[in-house]
Amino acid sequence: MGTIKSKIAKGGLALAVLGIISILLSFFNYNVKLLAWIDLWGSTMGWVIRILLIVGGAALFFLLGSDEDAE
């Protein structure tokens, strides 16, 4: 069961990193190709989705990744 938790935690970290990269690239009017759909609903909703990616990914990483050290 620990391997599933660690894989989900790594996936959460990947989501958070994608959100951060998307925010950094948006300042230069670029976007990650995987996340190009974000701005289809407008600029404000794009920022909300980016922030949710970071918060949700970080939550998965910290909540499920901390059990790996305890074992």
N, C-alpha and C. Protein backbone atom coordinates (compact mmCIF):
# COMPACT_ATOMS: atom_id res chain seq x y z
N MET A 1 0.83 -1.20 0.00
CA MET A 1 0.00 0.00 0.00
C MET A 1 0.86 1.25 0.00
N GLY A 2 2.06 1.14 0.54
CA GLY A 2 2.94 2.29 0.61
C GLY A 2 3.41 2.74 -0.76
N THR A 3 3.54 1.82 -1.70
CA THR A 3 3.99 2.22 -3.03
C THR A 3 2.94 3.03 -3.76
N ILE A 4 1.67 2.69 -3.54
CA ILE A 4 0.60 3.46 -4.16
C ILE A 4 0.59 4.88 -3.60
N LYS A 5 0.75 5.00 -2.29
CA LYS A 5 0.79 6.32 -1.67
C LYS A 5 1.96 7.15 -2.18
N SER A 6 3.10 6.51 -2.34
CA SER A 6 4.27 7.26 -2.81
C SER A 6 4.10 7.68 -4.27
N LYS A 7 3.44 6.84 -5.08
CA LYS A 7 3.20 7.22 -6.47
C LYS A 7 2.21 8.37 -6.58
N ILE A 8 1.18 8.35 -5.74
CA ILE A 8 0.22 9.45 -5.73
C ILE A 8 0.89 10.72 -5.23
N ALA A 9 1.77 10.60 -4.24
CA ALA A 9 2.49 11.76 -3.74
C ALA A 9 3.39 12.35 -4.82
N LYS A 10 4.05 11.48 -5.59
CA LYS A 10 4.89 11.97 -6.69
C LYS A 10 4.05 12.61 -7.78
N GLY A 11 2.86 12.06 -8.02
CA GLY A 11 1.93 12.68 -8.97
C GLY A 11 1.48 14.05 -8.50
N GLY A 12 1.25 14.18 -7.20
CA GLY A 12 0.89 15.48 -6.63
C GLY A 12 2.00 16.49 -6.79
N LEU A 13 3.23 16.03 -6.59
CA LEU A 13 4.38 16.91 -6.79
C LEU A 13 4.48 17.34 -8.25
N ALA A 14 4.21 16.42 -9.17
CA ALA A 14 4.23 16.76 -10.59
C ALA A 14 3.15 17.79 -10.93
N LEU A 15 1.96 17.66 -10.34
CA LEU A 15 0.89 18.64 -10.56
C LEU A 15 1.31 20.02 -10.06
N ALA A 16 1.90 20.06 -8.88
CA ALA A 16 2.33 21.34 -8.32
C ALA A 16 3.41 21.97 -9.18
N VAL A 17 4.35 21.17 -9.65
CA VAL A 17 5.42 21.71 -10.50
C VAL A 17 4.85 22.21 -11.82
N LEU A 18 3.91 21.47 -12.41
CA LEU A 18 3.28 21.93 -13.65
C LEU A 18 2.55 23.26 -13.44
N GLY A 19 1.89 23.39 -12.30
CA GLY A 19 1.20 24.65 -12.00
C GLY A 19 2.17 25.81 -11.86
N ILE A 20 3.30 25.58 -11.20
CA ILE A 20 4.30 26.63 -11.04
C ILE A 20 4.92 27.00 -12.38
N ILE A 21 5.25 25.99 -13.19
CA ILE A 21 5.82 26.26 -14.51
C ILE A 21 4.82 27.02 -15.37
N SER A 22 3.55 26.65 -15.28
CA SER A 22 2.51 27.33 -16.05
C SER A 22 2.39 28.80 -15.64
N ILE A 23 2.50 29.07 -14.34
CA ILE A 23 2.44 30.46 -13.88
C ILE A 23 3.64 31.24 -14.39
N LEU A 24 4.82 30.65 -14.29
CA LEU A 24 6.03 31.35 -14.75
C LEU A 24 5.98 31.62 -16.25
N LEU A 25 5.53 30.65 -17.03
CA LEU A 25 5.46 30.83 -18.48
C LEU A 25 4.36 31.80 -18.90
N SER A 26 3.31 31.91 -18.09
CA SER A 26 2.21 32.81 -18.46
C SER A 26 2.64 34.28 -18.45
N PHE A 27 3.69 34.60 -17.71
CA PHE A 27 4.19 35.97 -17.72
C PHE A 27 4.81 36.34 -19.06
N PHE A 28 5.22 35.32 -19.83
CA PHE A 28 5.83 35.54 -21.14
C PHE A 28 4.89 35.14 -22.28
N ASN A 29 3.59 34.99 -21.96
CA ASN A 29 2.55 34.60 -22.91
C ASN A 29 2.80 33.24 -23.53
N TYR A 30 3.41 32.33 -22.78
CA TYR A 30 3.59 30.95 -23.18
C TYR A 30 2.78 30.08 -22.24
N ASN A 31 2.65 28.81 -22.58
CA ASN A 31 1.96 27.88 -21.70
C ASN A 31 2.48 26.48 -21.94
N VAL A 32 2.34 25.63 -20.95
CA VAL A 32 2.69 24.22 -21.09
C VAL A 32 1.65 23.61 -22.03
N LYS A 33 2.10 22.85 -23.01
CA LYS A 33 1.19 22.31 -24.01
C LYS A 33 0.10 21.44 -23.38
N LEU A 34 0.46 20.72 -22.34
CA LEU A 34 -0.51 19.88 -21.64
C LEU A 34 -1.61 20.71 -20.97
N LEU A 35 -1.28 21.93 -20.59
CA LEU A 35 -2.22 22.80 -19.87
C LEU A 35 -2.75 23.95 -20.73
N ALA A 36 -2.74 23.80 -22.03
CA ALA A 36 -3.19 24.88 -22.92
C ALA A 36 -4.70 25.14 -22.77
N TRP A 37 -5.45 24.17 -22.31
CA TRP A 37 -6.89 24.31 -22.17
C TRP A 37 -7.28 25.23 -21.02
N ILE A 38 -6.34 25.55 -20.15
CA ILE A 38 -6.65 26.33 -18.95
C ILE A 38 -7.24 27.70 -19.29
N ASP A 39 -6.68 28.37 -20.27
CA ASP A 39 -7.12 29.73 -20.57
C ASP A 39 -8.34 29.81 -21.49
N LEU A 40 -8.95 28.68 -21.81
CA LEU A 40 -10.14 28.71 -22.65
C LEU A 40 -11.32 29.38 -21.95
N TRP A 41 -11.34 29.35 -20.61
CA TRP A 41 -12.44 29.94 -19.86
C TRP A 41 -12.14 31.36 -19.40
N GLY A 42 -11.07 31.92 -19.86
CA GLY A 42 -10.72 33.28 -19.49
C GLY A 42 -9.50 33.33 -18.60
N SER A 43 -8.99 34.52 -18.46
CA SER A 43 -7.75 34.71 -17.71
C SER A 43 -7.92 34.44 -16.21
N THR A 44 -9.01 34.91 -15.65
CA THR A 44 -9.23 34.73 -14.21
C THR A 44 -9.39 33.25 -13.86
N MET A 45 -10.18 32.54 -14.65
CA MET A 45 -10.37 31.11 -14.39
C MET A 45 -9.07 30.34 -14.62
N GLY A 46 -8.26 30.79 -15.55
CA GLY A 46 -6.95 30.17 -15.78
C GLY A 46 -6.07 30.28 -14.56
N TRP A 47 -6.08 31.45 -13.93
CA TRP A 47 -5.28 31.64 -12.71
C TRP A 47 -5.81 30.80 -11.57
N VAL A 48 -7.14 30.68 -11.47
CA VAL A 48 -7.74 29.85 -10.42
C VAL A 48 -7.32 28.40 -10.59
N ILE A 49 -7.36 27.90 -11.82
CA ILE A 49 -6.98 26.51 -12.08
C ILE A 49 -5.50 26.30 -11.79
N ARG A 50 -4.66 27.24 -12.17
CA ARG A 50 -3.22 27.12 -11.88
C ARG A 50 -2.96 27.05 -10.37
N ILE A 51 -3.62 27.90 -9.62
CA ILE A 51 -3.45 27.92 -8.16
C ILE A 51 -3.99 26.63 -7.55
N LEU A 52 -5.12 26.13 -8.06
CA LEU A 52 -5.66 24.88 -7.55
C LEU A 52 -4.74 23.70 -7.86
N LEU A 53 -4.07 23.73 -9.01
CA LEU A 53 -3.09 22.69 -9.32
C LEU A 53 -1.96 22.67 -8.30
N ILE A 54 -1.48 23.85 -7.97
CA ILE A 54 -0.38 23.95 -7.01
C ILE A 54 -0.83 23.51 -5.62
N VAL A 55 -1.95 24.02 -5.16
CA VAL A 55 -2.43 23.69 -3.81
C VAL A 55 -2.81 22.22 -3.70
N GLY A 56 -3.55 21.72 -4.69
CA GLY A 56 -3.95 20.31 -4.67
C GLY A 56 -2.77 19.37 -4.78
N GLY A 57 -1.83 19.69 -5.66
CA GLY A 57 -0.65 18.86 -5.80
C GLY A 57 0.21 18.86 -4.56
N ALA A 58 0.38 20.03 -3.96
CA ALA A 58 1.17 20.12 -2.73
C ALA A 58 0.48 19.37 -1.59
N ALA A 59 -0.85 19.44 -1.53
CA ALA A 59 -1.59 18.72 -0.50
C ALA A 59 -1.39 17.22 -0.65
N LEU A 60 -1.49 16.71 -1.88
CA LEU A 60 -1.26 15.28 -2.11
C LEU A 60 0.15 14.89 -1.72
N PHE A 61 1.10 15.72 -2.08
CA PHE A 61 2.50 15.41 -1.78
C PHE A 61 2.76 15.37 -0.28
N PHE A 62 2.29 16.38 0.44
CA PHE A 62 2.57 16.45 1.87
C PHE A 62 1.74 15.47 2.69
N LEU A 63 0.50 15.21 2.28
CA LEU A 63 -0.34 14.30 3.06
C LEU A 63 0.03 12.84 2.84
N LEU A 64 0.36 12.46 1.62
CA LEU A 64 0.65 11.06 1.33
C LEU A 64 2.14 10.77 1.29
N GLY A 65 2.97 11.77 1.13
CA GLY A 65 4.40 11.54 1.06
C GLY A 65 5.05 11.46 2.43
N SER A 66 4.39 11.93 3.47
CA SER A 66 5.01 11.93 4.79
C SER A 66 5.02 10.56 5.43
N ASP A 67 4.13 9.64 5.02
CA ASP A 67 4.08 8.30 5.60
C ASP A 67 5.28 7.45 5.20
N GLU A 68 5.91 7.80 4.08
CA GLU A 68 7.05 7.02 3.60
C GLU A 68 8.23 7.08 4.58
N ASP A 69 8.42 8.22 5.23
CA ASP A 69 9.51 8.36 6.19
C ASP A 69 9.23 7.61 7.49
N ALA A 70 7.96 7.45 7.85
CA ALA A 70 7.60 6.80 9.10
C ALA A 70 7.86 5.30 9.05
N GLU A 71 7.84 4.71 7.87
CA GLU A 71 8.04 3.27 7.75
C GLU A 71 9.46 2.98 7.74
